[in-house]
C-alpha atoms as a PDB file:
ATOM      1  CA  UNK A   1      85.674  92.786  96.921  1.00  0.00           C
ATOM      2  CA  UNK A   2      89.204  93.609  97.531  1.00  0.00           C
ATOM      3  CA  UNK A   3      92.003  91.233  96.831  1.00  0.00           C
ATOM      4  CA  UNK A   4      94.938  90.423  99.228  1.00  0.00           C
ATOM      5  CA  UNK A   5      98.407  91.196  97.830  1.00  0.00           C
ATOM      6  CA  UNK A   6     101.676  90.692 100.041  1.00  0.00           C
ATOM      7  CA  UNK A   7     102.219  94.447  99.436  1.00  0.00           C
ATOM      8  CA  UNK A   8      98.759  95.632  98.746  1.00  0.00           C
ATOM      9  CA  UNK A   9      95.266  94.947  97.967  1.00  0.00           C
ATOM     10  CA  UNK A  10      94.059  95.875  94.502  1.00  0.00           C
ATOM     11  CA  UNK A  11      91.127  97.060  93.905  1.00  0.00           C
ATOM     12  CA  UNK A  12      87.247 100.896  87.646  1.00  0.00           C
ATOM     13  CA  UNK A  13      81.054 102.880  83.662  1.00  0.00           C
ATOM     14  CA  UNK A  14      78.244 101.434  80.730  1.00  0.00           C
ATOM     15  CA  UNK A  15      75.189 102.769  79.280  1.00  0.00           C
ATOM     16  CA  UNK A  16      71.414 102.670  79.777  1.00  0.00           C
ATOM     17  CA  UNK A  17      69.055 102.001  76.924  1.00  0.00           C
ATOM     18  CA  UNK A  18      66.299 103.359  74.776  1.00  0.00           C
ATOM     19  CA  UNK A  19      63.135 101.688  74.057  1.00  0.00           C
ATOM     20  CA  UNK A  20      63.143 102.977  70.603  1.00  0.00           C
ATOM     21  CA  UNK A  21      64.329 100.529  67.855  1.00  0.00           C
ATOM     22  CA  UNK A  22      66.392 103.131  66.135  1.00  0.00           C
ATOM     23  CA  UNK A  23      68.419 103.880  69.253  1.00  0.00           C
ATOM     24  CA  UNK A  24      69.062 100.297  69.979  1.00  0.00           C
ATOM     25  CA  UNK A  25      70.392  99.947  66.267  1.00  0.00           C
ATOM     26  CA  UNK A  26      72.668 102.798  66.937  1.00  0.00           C
ATOM     27  CA  UNK A  27      74.214 100.955  69.732  1.00  0.00           C
ATOM     28  CA  UNK A  28      74.316  97.699  68.173  1.00  0.00           C
ATOM     29  CA  UNK A  29      77.967  98.112  66.817  1.00  0.00           C
ATOM     30  CA  UNK A  30      79.322  97.338  70.318  1.00  0.00           C
ATOM     31  CA  UNK A  31      77.797  93.679  70.181  1.00  0.00           C
ATOM     32  CA  UNK A  32      80.231  90.898  69.851  1.00  0.00           C
ATOM     33  CA  UNK A  33      80.706  89.584  66.339  1.00  0.00           C
ATOM     34  CA  UNK A  34      83.254  86.608  67.049  1.00  0.00           C
ATOM     35  CA  UNK A  35      83.094  83.610  68.978  1.00  0.00           C
ATOM     36  CA  UNK A  36      79.999  82.594  71.021  1.00  0.00           C
ATOM     37  CA  UNK A  37      79.539  85.152  73.991  1.00  0.00           C
ATOM     38  CA  UNK A  38      80.773  84.328  77.237  1.00  0.00           C
ATOM     39  CA  UNK A  39      78.593  83.372  80.050  1.00  0.00           C
ATOM     40  CA  UNK A  40      77.211  86.256  81.502  1.00  0.00           C
ATOM     41  CA  UNK A  41      77.244  88.625  78.421  1.00  0.00           C
ATOM     42  CA  UNK A  42      74.201  90.653  78.439  1.00  0.00           C
ATOM     43  CA  UNK A  43      72.675  91.691  74.988  1.00  0.00           C
ATOM     44  CA  UNK A  44      70.546  94.237  76.767  1.00  0.00           C
ATOM     45  CA  UNK A  45      73.755  96.068  77.915  1.00  0.00           C
ATOM     46  CA  UNK A  46      75.280  97.952  75.072  1.00  0.00           C
ATOM     47  CA  UNK A  47      78.573  98.162  76.842  1.00  0.00           C
ATOM     48  CA  UNK A  48      78.991  94.618  78.146  1.00  0.00           C
ATOM     49  CA  UNK A  49      82.329  93.185  77.305  1.00  0.00           C
ATOM     50  CA  UNK A  50      83.041  89.837  75.730  1.00  0.00           C
ATOM     51  CA  UNK A  51      86.614  89.093  76.113  1.00  0.00           C
ATOM     52  CA  UNK A  52      88.832  85.922  76.288  1.00  0.00           C
ATOM     53  CA  UNK A  53      92.403  85.701  77.545  1.00  0.00           C
ATOM     54  CA  UNK A  54      94.712  86.440  74.779  1.00  0.00           C
ATOM     55  CA  UNK A  55      97.845  84.852  76.625  1.00  0.00           C
ATOM     56  CA  UNK A  56      99.075  83.305  79.522  1.00  0.00           C
ATOM     57  CA  UNK A  57      97.775  80.230  81.515  1.00  0.00           C
ATOM     58  CA  UNK A  58      94.237  81.199  80.977  1.00  0.00           C
ATOM     59  CA  UNK A  59      94.371  81.666  77.186  1.00  0.00           C
ATOM     60  CA  UNK A  60      91.126  81.303  75.598  1.00  0.00           C
ATOM     61  CA  UNK A  61      89.166  81.420  78.847  1.00  0.00           C
ATOM     62  CA  UNK A  62      86.555  84.220  79.387  1.00  0.00           C
ATOM     63  CA  UNK A  63      87.320  87.272  81.417  1.00  0.00           C
ATOM     64  CA  UNK A  64      84.743  87.787  84.277  1.00  0.00           C
ATOM     65  CA  UNK A  65      83.960  91.405  83.040  1.00  0.00           C
ATOM     66  CA  UNK A  66      80.208  91.283  84.139  1.00  0.00           C
ATOM     67  CA  UNK A  67      80.580  92.945  87.574  1.00  0.00           C
ATOM     68  CA  UNK A  68      83.931  94.437  87.369  1.00  0.00           C
ATOM     69  CA  UNK A  69      84.473  96.463  84.226  1.00  0.00           C
ATOM     70  CA  UNK A  70      86.377  99.485  83.009  1.00  0.00           C
ATOM     71  CA  UNK A  71      84.409 102.802  82.451  1.00  0.00           C
ATOM     72  CA  UNK A  72      83.668 103.755  78.979  1.00  0.00           C
ATOM     73  CA  UNK A  73      83.612 107.629  77.802  1.00  0.00           C
ATOM     74  CA  UNK A  74      80.670 108.068  75.745  1.00  0.00           C
ATOM     75  CA  UNK A  75      81.085 109.409  72.170  1.00  0.00           C
ATOM     76  CA  UNK A  76      78.966 112.402  71.522  1.00  0.00           C
ATOM     77  CA  UNK A  77      76.328 110.362  69.658  1.00  0.00           C
ATOM     78  CA  UNK A  78      76.139 107.786  72.544  1.00  0.00           C
ATOM     79  CA  UNK A  79      75.667 110.780  74.934  1.00  0.00           C
ATOM     80  CA  UNK A  80      72.901 112.361  72.807  1.00  0.00           C
ATOM     81  CA  UNK A  81      70.973 109.089  72.756  1.00  0.00           C
ATOM     82  CA  UNK A  82      71.276 108.893  76.576  1.00  0.00           C
ATOM     83  CA  UNK A  83      70.174 112.544  76.954  1.00  0.00           C
ATOM     84  CA  UNK A  84      67.075 111.917  74.876  1.00  0.00           C
ATOM     85  CA  UNK A  85      66.303 108.896  77.044  1.00  0.00           C
ATOM     86  CA  UNK A  86      66.545 110.962  80.220  1.00  0.00           C
ATOM     87  CA  UNK A  87      64.536 113.770  78.561  1.00  0.00           C
ATOM     88  CA  UNK A  88      67.751 116.251  78.874  1.00  0.00           C
ATOM     89  CA  UNK A  89      69.048 118.943  76.718  1.00  0.00           C
ATOM     90  CA  UNK A  90      71.642 117.751  74.275  1.00  0.00           C
ATOM     91  CA  UNK A  91      75.035 117.221  75.968  1.00  0.00           C
ATOM     92  CA  UNK A  92      77.009 120.603  76.423  1.00  0.00           C
ATOM     93  CA  UNK A  93      80.484 121.412  76.256  1.00  0.00           C
ATOM     94  CA  UNK A  94      82.646 120.404  79.332  1.00  0.00           C
ATOM     95  CA  UNK A  95      80.160 117.673  80.510  1.00  0.00           C
ATOM     96  CA  UNK A  96      81.616 114.252  81.055  1.00  0.00           C
ATOM     97  CA  UNK A  97      79.433 111.301  80.095  1.00  0.00           C
ATOM     98  CA  UNK A  98      80.388 108.034  81.602  1.00  0.00           C
ATOM     99  CA  UNK A  99      79.282 104.338  80.914  1.00  0.00           C
ATOM    100  CA  UNK A 100      79.553 101.277  83.400  1.00  0.00           C
ATOM    101  CA  UNK A 101      79.211 103.190  86.690  1.00  0.00           C
ATOM    102  CA  UNK A 102      78.485 100.589  89.247  1.00  0.00           C
ATOM    103  CA  UNK A 103      75.674 101.543  91.976  1.00  0.00           C
ATOM    104  CA  UNK A 104      73.034  99.345  93.445  1.00  0.00           C
ATOM    105  CA  UNK A 105      74.169  95.996  91.866  1.00  0.00           C
ATOM    106  CA  UNK A 106      73.894  97.327  88.340  1.00  0.00           C
ATOM    107  CA  UNK A 107      75.640  99.607  85.559  1.00  0.00           C
ATOM    108  CA  UNK A 108      74.634 103.300  85.054  1.00  0.00           C
ATOM    109  CA  UNK A 109      75.522 105.828  82.535  1.00  0.00           C
ATOM    110  CA  UNK A 110      76.485 109.167  84.302  1.00  0.00           C
ATOM    111  CA  UNK A 111      76.301 112.801  83.348  1.00  0.00           C
ATOM    112  CA  UNK A 112      78.851 115.062  85.325  1.00  0.00           C
ATOM    113  CA  UNK A 113      78.361 118.706  84.731  1.00  0.00           C
ATOM    114  CA  UNK A 114      81.072 121.162  83.525  1.00  0.00           C
ATOM    115  CA  UNK A 115      83.403 122.229  86.543  1.00  0.00           C
ATOM    116  CA  UNK A 116      81.482 120.082  88.924  1.00  0.00           C
ATOM    117  CA  UNK A 117      84.112 118.712  91.086  1.00  0.00           C
ATOM    118  CA  UNK A 118      84.618 120.333  94.536  1.00  0.00           C
ATOM    119  CA  UNK A 119      87.100 118.007  96.129  1.00  0.00           C
ATOM    120  CA  UNK A 120      89.620 115.344  95.151  1.00  0.00           C
ATOM    121  CA  UNK A 121      90.607 112.823  97.740  1.00  0.00           C
ATOM    122  CA  UNK A 122      92.879 109.864  98.067  1.00  0.00           C
ATOM    123  CA  UNK A 123      91.258 107.045  99.830  1.00  0.00           C
ATOM    124  CA  UNK A 124      93.170 104.196 101.746  1.00  0.00           C
ATOM    125  CA  UNK A 125      91.355 101.275 102.892  1.00  0.00           C
ATOM    126  CA  UNK A 126      93.296  99.238 105.584  1.00  0.00           C
ATOM    127  CA  UNK A 127      92.398  95.820 106.658  1.00  0.00           C
ATOM    128  CA  UNK A 128      93.837  92.613 107.949  1.00  0.00           C
ATOM    129  CA  UNK A 129      94.109  89.508 105.558  1.00  0.00           C
ATOM    130  CA  UNK A 130      92.276  87.210 107.905  1.00  0.00           C
ATOM    131  CA  UNK A 131      95.404  84.936 108.340  1.00  0.00           C
ATOM    132  CA  UNK A 132      96.722  85.305 111.870  1.00  0.00           C
ATOM    133  CA  UNK A 133     100.492  85.465 111.153  1.00  0.00           C
ATOM    134  CA  UNK A 134      99.804  88.012 108.297  1.00  0.00           C
ATOM    135  CA  UNK A 135      97.407  89.743 110.549  1.00  0.00           C
ATOM    136  CA  UNK A 136     100.291  90.151 113.184  1.00  0.00           C
ATOM    137  CA  UNK A 137     102.706  91.376 110.645  1.00  0.00           C
ATOM    138  CA  UNK A 138     100.160  93.675 109.059  1.00  0.00           C
ATOM    139  CA  UNK A 139      99.445  95.414 112.325  1.00  0.00           C
ATOM    140  CA  UNK A 140     103.087  96.459 112.586  1.00  0.00           C
ATOM    141  CA  UNK A 141     104.397  96.649 108.771  1.00  0.00           C
ATOM    142  CA  UNK A 142     101.060  97.665 107.161  1.00  0.00           C
ATOM    143  CA  UNK A 143     101.106  95.759 103.718  1.00  0.00           C
ATOM    144  CA  UNK A 144      97.316  95.162 103.157  1.00  0.00           C
ATOM    145  CA  UNK A 145      95.490  98.127 101.722  1.00  0.00           C
ATOM    146  CA  UNK A 146      93.525  99.178  98.787  1.00  0.00           C
ATOM    147  CA  UNK A 147      93.828 102.785  97.329  1.00  0.00           C
ATOM    148  CA  UNK A 148      90.993 104.763  95.389  1.00  0.00           C
ATOM    149  CA  UNK A 149      90.312 108.283  94.332  1.00  0.00           C
ATOM    150  CA  UNK A 150      87.021 110.049  95.375  1.00  0.00           C
ATOM    151  CA  UNK A 151      85.556 112.845  93.349  1.00  0.00           C
ATOM    152  CA  UNK A 152      83.224 114.957  95.557  1.00  0.00           C
ATOM    153  CA  UNK A 153      80.833 117.130  93.458  1.00  0.00           C
ATOM    154  CA  UNK A 154      79.363 120.508  94.162  1.00  0.00           C
ATOM    155  CA  UNK A 155      75.931 121.197  95.423  1.00  0.00           C
ATOM    156  CA  UNK A 156      73.759 121.742  92.360  1.00  0.00           C
ATOM    157  CA  UNK A 157      76.128 120.038  89.982  1.00  0.00           C
ATOM    158  CA  UNK A 158      75.532 116.572  91.230  1.00  0.00           C
ATOM    159  CA  UNK A 159      76.109 113.479  88.845  1.00  0.00           C
ATOM    160  CA  UNK A 160      72.968 112.261  86.967  1.00  0.00           C
ATOM    161  CA  UNK A 161      72.639 108.369  87.042  1.00  0.00           C
ATOM    162  CA  UNK A 162      70.674 106.761  84.082  1.00  0.00           C
ATOM    163  CA  UNK A 163      70.031 103.152  84.271  1.00  0.00           C
ATOM    164  CA  UNK A 164      72.233 101.557  81.424  1.00  0.00           C
ATOM    165  CA  UNK A 165      70.478  98.341  80.133  1.00  0.00           C
ATOM    166  CA  UNK A 166      68.326  98.570  77.235  1.00  0.00           C
ATOM    167  CA  UNK A 167      65.260  96.918  79.010  1.00  0.00           C
ATOM    168  CA  UNK A 168      65.828  99.197  82.226  1.00  0.00           C
ATOM    169  CA  UNK A 169      63.352 102.076  82.248  1.00  0.00           C
ATOM    170  CA  UNK A 170      63.667 102.786  85.945  1.00  0.00           C
ATOM    171  CA  UNK A 171      64.132 106.455  87.017  1.00  0.00           C
ATOM    172  CA  UNK A 172      67.273 108.480  87.116  1.00  0.00           C
ATOM    173  CA  UNK A 173      69.343 109.397  90.193  1.00  0.00           C
ATOM    174  CA  UNK A 174      71.409 112.295  91.572  1.00  0.00           C
ATOM    175  CA  UNK A 175      74.549 111.519  93.501  1.00  0.00           C
ATOM    176  CA  UNK A 176      77.201 113.678  94.645  1.00  0.00           C
ATOM    177  CA  UNK A 177      80.204 111.527  94.635  1.00  0.00           C
ATOM    178  CA  UNK A 178      82.218 109.257  92.357  1.00  0.00           C
ATOM    179  CA  UNK A 179      84.898 106.646  93.219  1.00  0.00           C
ATOM    180  CA  UNK A 180      87.550 105.352  90.808  1.00  0.00           C
ATOM    181  CA  UNK A 181      88.956 102.125  92.043  1.00  0.00           C
ATOM    182  CA  UNK A 182      91.346  99.696  89.940  1.00  0.00           C
ATOM    183  CA  UNK A 183      90.760  96.105  90.519  1.00  0.00           C
ATOM    184  CA  UNK A 184      92.117  92.701  89.618  1.00  0.00           C
ATOM    185  CA  UNK A 185      89.468  90.744  87.574  1.00  0.00           C
ATOM    186  CA  UNK A 186      89.222  87.227  88.688  1.00  0.00           C
ATOM    187  CA  UNK A 187      86.641  84.431  88.221  1.00  0.00           C
ATOM    188  CA  UNK A 188      83.764  84.510  90.644  1.00  0.00           C
ATOM    189  CA  UNK A 189      84.731  83.264  93.970  1.00  0.00           C
ATOM    190  CA  UNK A 190      88.438  82.953  93.154  1.00  0.00           C
ATOM    191  CA  UNK A 191      90.875  84.149  95.862  1.00  0.00           C
ATOM    192  CA  UNK A 192      93.469  86.574  94.880  1.00  0.00           C
ATOM    193  CA  UNK A 193      96.973  85.261  94.801  1.00  0.00           C
ATOM    194  CA  UNK A 194      99.960  87.640  94.618  1.00  0.00           C
ATOM    195  CA  UNK A 195     102.163  85.489  92.551  1.00  0.00           C
ATOM    196  CA  UNK A 196      99.290  84.986  90.059  1.00  0.00           C
ATOM    197  CA  UNK A 197      99.062  88.413  89.923  1.00  0.00           C
ATOM    198  CA  UNK A 198     102.464  88.697  88.211  1.00  0.00           C
ATOM    199  CA  UNK A 199     101.775  85.836  85.855  1.00  0.00           C
ATOM    200  CA  UNK A 200      98.929  87.120  83.416  1.00  0.00           C
ATOM    201  CA  UNK A 201      96.200  85.446  85.559  1.00  0.00           C
ATOM    202  CA  UNK A 202      94.153  88.465  86.085  1.00  0.00           C
ATOM    203  CA  UNK A 203      92.578  91.210  83.980  1.00  0.00           C
ATOM    204  CA  UNK A 204      92.472  94.969  85.171  1.00  0.00           C
ATOM    205  CA  UNK A 205      89.496  96.973  85.552  1.00  0.00           C
ATOM    206  CA  UNK A 206      89.594 100.705  86.091  1.00  0.00           C
ATOM    207  CA  UNK A 207      86.190 100.820  87.702  1.00  0.00           C
ATOM    208  CA  UNK A 208      83.946 103.719  88.575  1.00  0.00           C
ATOM    209  CA  UNK A 209      81.360 103.430  91.513  1.00  0.00           C
ATOM    210  CA  UNK A 210      79.212 105.528  93.613  1.00  0.00           C
ATOM    211  CA  UNK A 211      80.555 106.342  96.940  1.00  0.00           C
ATOM    212  CA  UNK A 212      77.435 104.715  98.474  1.00  0.00           C
ATOM    213  CA  UNK A 213      78.630 101.611  96.917  1.00  0.00           C
ATOM    214  CA  UNK A 214      81.970 101.711  98.466  1.00  0.00           C
ATOM    215  CA  UNK A 215      80.420 102.447 102.019  1.00  0.00           C
ATOM    216  CA  UNK A 216      77.947  99.546 101.635  1.00  0.00           C
ATOM    217  CA  UNK A 217      80.711  97.105 100.818  1.00  0.00           C
ATOM    218  CA  UNK A 218      83.801  98.250 102.524  1.00  0.00           C
ATOM    219  CA  UNK A 219      82.206  99.747 105.877  1.00  0.00           C
ATOM    220  CA  UNK A 220      78.835  98.070 106.284  1.00  0.00           C
ATOM    221  CA  UNK A 221      79.786  94.411 105.075  1.00  0.00           C
ATOM    222  CA  UNK A 222      83.615  94.150 105.585  1.00  0.00           C
ATOM    223  CA  UNK A 223      84.042  96.553 108.638  1.00  0.00           C
ATOM    224  CA  UNK A 224      87.095  98.080 107.123  1.00  0.00           C
ATOM    225  CA  UNK A 225      88.302 101.641 107.779  1.00  0.00           C
ATOM    226  CA  UNK A 226      88.910 104.062 104.902  1.00  0.00           C
ATOM    227  CA  UNK A 227      91.088 107.088 105.586  1.00  0.00           C
ATOM    228  CA  UNK A 228      90.779 110.071 103.463  1.00  0.00           C
ATOM    229  CA  UNK A 229      93.553 112.544 102.167  1.00  0.00           C
ATOM    230  CA  UNK A 230      92.552 115.727 100.322  1.00  0.00           C
ATOM    231  CA  UNK A 231      94.642 116.374  97.192  1.00  0.00           C
ATOM    232  CA  UNK A 232      96.496 119.715  97.079  1.00  0.00           C
ATOM    233  CA  UNK A 233      95.595 121.267  93.665  1.00  0.00           C
ATOM    234  CA  UNK A 234      98.794 122.583  91.969  1.00  0.00           C
ATOM    235  CA  UNK A 235      97.258 125.204  89.747  1.00  0.00           C
ATOM    236  CA  UNK A 236      96.857 129.175  89.983  1.00  0.00           C
ATOM    237  CA  UNK A 237      93.965 130.297  92.043  1.00  0.00           C
ATOM    238  CA  UNK A 238      91.750 130.898  88.920  1.00  0.00           C
ATOM    239  CA  UNK A 239      92.346 127.420  87.611  1.00  0.00           C
ATOM    240  CA  UNK A 240      91.953 125.281  90.700  1.00  0.00           C
ATOM    241  CA  UNK A 241      88.281 124.302  89.585  1.00  0.00           C
ATOM    242  CA  UNK A 242      89.515 123.420  86.008  1.00  0.00           C
ATOM    243  CA  UNK A 243      92.331 121.176  87.479  1.00  0.00           C
ATOM    244  CA  UNK A 244      90.009 119.433  89.678  1.00  0.00           C
ATOM    245  CA  UNK A 245      87.885 118.468  86.547  1.00  0.00           C
ATOM    246  CA  UNK A 246      90.838 117.604  84.758  1.00  0.00           C
ATOM    247  CA  UNK A 247      91.624 114.806  87.066  1.00  0.00           C
ATOM    248  CA  UNK A 248      88.150 113.511  86.653  1.00  0.00           C
ATOM    249  CA  UNK A 249      88.898 113.621  82.956  1.00  0.00           C
ATOM    250  CA  UNK A 250      92.143 111.875  83.331  1.00  0.00           C
ATOM    251  CA  UNK A 251      90.498 109.177  85.290  1.00  0.00           C
ATOM    252  CA  UNK A 252      87.771 108.594  82.753  1.00  0.00           C
ATOM    253  CA  UNK A 253      90.237 108.647  79.908  1.00  0.00           C
ATOM    254  CA  UNK A 254      92.658 106.070  81.431  1.00  0.00           C
ATOM    255  CA  UNK A 255      89.504 103.725  81.820  1.00  0.00           C
ATOM    256  CA  UNK A 256      88.439 104.355  78.264  1.00  0.00           C
ATOM    257  CA  UNK A 257      91.895 103.094  76.971  1.00  0.00           C
ATOM    258  CA  UNK A 258      91.361  99.923  78.792  1.00  0.00           C
ATOM    259  CA  UNK A 259      87.602  99.701  77.623  1.00  0.00           C
ATOM    260  CA  UNK A 260      88.799 100.089  74.104  1.00  0.00           C
ATOM    261  CA  UNK A 261      91.425  97.439  74.421  1.00  0.00           C
ATOM    262  CA  UNK A 262      88.910  95.035  75.615  1.00  0.00           C
ATOM    263  CA  UNK A 263      86.397  95.914  73.205  1.00  0.00           C
ATOM    264  CA  UNK A 264      88.947  95.087  70.579  1.00  0.00           C
ATOM    265  CA  UNK A 265      89.473  91.645  72.214  1.00  0.00           C
ATOM    266  CA  UNK A 266      92.763  92.572  74.054  1.00  0.00           C
ATOM    267  CA  UNK A 267      93.299  91.562  77.402  1.00  0.00           C
ATOM    268  CA  UNK A 268      94.606  94.295  79.988  1.00  0.00           C
ATOM    269  CA  UNK A 269      96.583  92.558  82.457  1.00  0.00           C
ATOM    270  CA  UNK A 270      96.763  93.287  86.284  1.00  0.00           C
ATOM    271  CA  UNK A 271     100.286  93.080  87.817  1.00  0.00           C
ATOM    272  CA  UNK A 272     100.729  92.767  91.426  1.00  0.00           C
ATOM    273  CA  UNK A 273     104.215  94.970  91.175  1.00  0.00           C
ATOM    274  CA  UNK A 274     103.459  98.090  89.048  1.00  0.00           C
ATOM    275  CA  UNK A 275      99.797  97.863  87.570  1.00  0.00           C
ATOM    276  CA  UNK A 276      97.414  98.014  90.631  1.00  0.00           C
ATOM    277  CA  UNK A 277      95.270 100.138  92.609  1.00  0.00           C
ATOM    278  CA  UNK A 278      98.267 102.160  93.991  1.00  0.00           C
ATOM    279  CA  UNK A 279     100.029 102.741  90.793  1.00  0.00           C
ATOM    280  CA  UNK A 280      96.695 103.726  89.036  1.00  0.00           C
ATOM    281  CA  UNK A 281      95.780 106.124  91.829  1.00  0.00           C
ATOM    282  CA  UNK A 282      99.229 107.947  91.497  1.00  0.00           C
ATOM    283  CA  UNK A 283      99.029 107.943  87.745  1.00  0.00           C
ATOM    284  CA  UNK A 284      95.610 109.945  87.677  1.00  0.00           C
ATOM    285  CA  UNK A 285      97.509 112.799  89.221  1.00  0.00           C
ATOM    286  CA  UNK A 286     100.660 112.363  87.268  1.00  0.00           C
ATOM    287  CA  UNK A 287      99.217 112.342  83.919  1.00  0.00           C
ATOM    288  CA  UNK A 288      97.359 115.683  84.708  1.00  0.00           C
ATOM    289  CA  UNK A 289      99.894 117.627  86.868  1.00  0.00           C
ATOM    290  CA  UNK A 290     102.923 119.716  86.026  1.00  0.00           C
ATOM    291  CA  UNK A 291     105.007 119.167  89.181  1.00  0.00           C
ATOM    292  CA  UNK A 292     107.513 122.090  90.140  1.00  0.00           C
ATOM    293  CA  UNK A 293     109.787 119.743  92.132  1.00  0.00           C
ATOM    294  CA  UNK A 294     109.315 116.265  90.661  1.00  0.00           C
ATOM    295  CA  UNK A 295     109.779 114.538  87.398  1.00  0.00           C
ATOM    296  CA  UNK A 296     108.368 111.131  86.264  1.00  0.00           C
ATOM    297  CA  UNK A 297     111.772 109.882  86.235  1.00  0.00           C
ATOM    298  CA  UNK A 298     112.038 109.993  90.024  1.00  0.00           C
ATOM    299  CA  UNK A 299     109.400 107.191  90.363  1.00  0.00           C
ATOM    300  CA  UNK A 300     110.223 104.222  92.191  1.00  0.00           C
ATOM    301  CA  UNK A 301     108.590 100.750  92.426  1.00  0.00           C
ATOM    302  CA  UNK A 302     108.336 100.997  96.177  1.00  0.00           C
ATOM    303  CA  UNK A 303     105.729 103.900  95.617  1.00  0.00           C
ATOM    304  CA  UNK A 304     103.342 101.439  94.762  1.00  0.00           C
ATOM    305  CA  UNK A 305     103.274  99.610  98.181  1.00  0.00           C
ATOM    306  CA  UNK A 306     101.003 100.856 100.870  1.00  0.00           C
ATOM    307  CA  UNK A 307     103.268 102.301 103.251  1.00  0.00           C
ATOM    308  CA  UNK A 308     105.196 104.271 100.630  1.00  0.00           C
ATOM    309  CA  UNK A 309     101.961 105.870  99.059  1.00  0.00           C
ATOM    310  CA  UNK A 310     101.520 108.858 101.249  1.00  0.00           C
ATOM    311  CA  UNK A 311     105.408 109.699 101.051  1.00  0.00           C
ATOM    312  CA  UNK A 312     105.037 109.260  97.115  1.00  0.00           C
ATOM    313  CA  UNK A 313     102.154 111.883  97.022  1.00  0.00           C
ATOM    314  CA  UNK A 314     104.222 114.243  99.535  1.00  0.00           C
ATOM    315  CA  UNK A 315     107.119 114.140  97.248  1.00  0.00           C
ATOM    316  CA  UNK A 316     105.019 115.383  94.582  1.00  0.00           C
ATOM    317  CA  UNK A 317     103.406 118.429  96.807  1.00  0.00           C
ATOM    318  CA  UNK A 318      99.989 116.700  96.636  1.00  0.00           C
ATOM    319  CA  UNK A 319      99.229 116.172 100.192  1.00  0.00           C
ATOM    320  CA  UNK A 320      97.150 118.989 101.530  1.00  0.00           C
ATOM    321  CA  UNK A 321      97.386 119.824 105.271  1.00  0.00           C
ATOM    322  CA  UNK A 322      93.672 120.205 105.411  1.00  0.00           C
ATOM    323  CA  UNK A 323      92.483 117.134 107.792  1.00  0.00           C
ATOM    324  CA  UNK A 324      89.467 115.255 106.792  1.00  0.00           C
ATOM    325  CA  UNK A 325      87.634 112.556 108.774  1.00  0.00           C
ATOM    326  CA  UNK A 326      87.704 108.936 107.753  1.00  0.00           C
ATOM    327  CA  UNK A 327      84.803 107.871 105.588  1.00  0.00           C
ATOM    328  CA  UNK A 328      83.671 105.750 108.617  1.00  0.00           C
ATOM    329  CA  UNK A 329      83.196 108.844 110.628  1.00  0.00           C
ATOM    330  CA  UNK A 330      81.582 110.749 107.693  1.00  0.00           C
ATOM    331  CA  UNK A 331      78.893 108.199 107.305  1.00  0.00           C
ATOM    332  CA  UNK A 332      78.320 107.330 110.853  1.00  0.00           C
ATOM    333  CA  UNK A 333      80.185 103.895 111.089  1.00  0.00           C
ATOM    334  CA  UNK A 334      82.822 102.888 113.662  1.00  0.00           C
ATOM    335  CA  UNK A 335      86.486 103.316 112.945  1.00  0.00           C
ATOM    336  CA  UNK A 336      87.298  99.634 112.991  1.00  0.00           C
END
């Protein structure tokens, strides 16, 4: 679900389980030891988060981190346990092991092979707020949009999805795309309010999800259009594959910082102006790129508004002249 923002709409992987007792015990250090678990906390999910607001108007209330949750970068020990579960060789150098990836209404642990990323794209999802006067303005000024980053993987280097919950023994899946999407965390059914977004009402989740999940929600259910902009890789020819993989690593590590904060009981707050889907999308590239003609000191708050996102990427030389169809066209949906 996407959240309406007067300037934008905001829109972040967990682990599977092992039947063996000693493996469950190794994962038990992630279980809450403080107050009574929040409603929805799942003891069979080693990377379920149990967090209450630490400040603001909702101090003491539980965050709804049961569907929207930041990704977690597995430790070598955690990755080894999931490799054993899936009957894989031990994790190899260069692989990325991620938890809390959302697909088919549940969380998965995902293994991405070394140098697997074939293409990196910025996706922009435009839609109307479904309020007549705002719809009228949006068609002319474009203030309602969501941004996320797509990682397309090479054939033969697809991501392996392993069910995350300890009591889930269903099979693994191979998928060729991952999406990272930063979203405001609200109570179930709560509408998004842009003013509340500046007043510590919402948590922030740097989610990872399958592209199929994005297609199902945004295209099939919501009838939105998603434009796709390939990212220009600013690296010498022999280092392009590594730079693409670096962007994936950066996205995961940014989510991991938030996961660790939540795991320690700290709240990561969403902010309508400068900590949202647009700012997080740009920051993935900024953290991993040495720009030839741009410095972080040139950033502007307006870059974090939908109409300014493409110019912001262009100023960093990140926009690729290569044309790519909308996700709607790619998956056979109308361009609504």
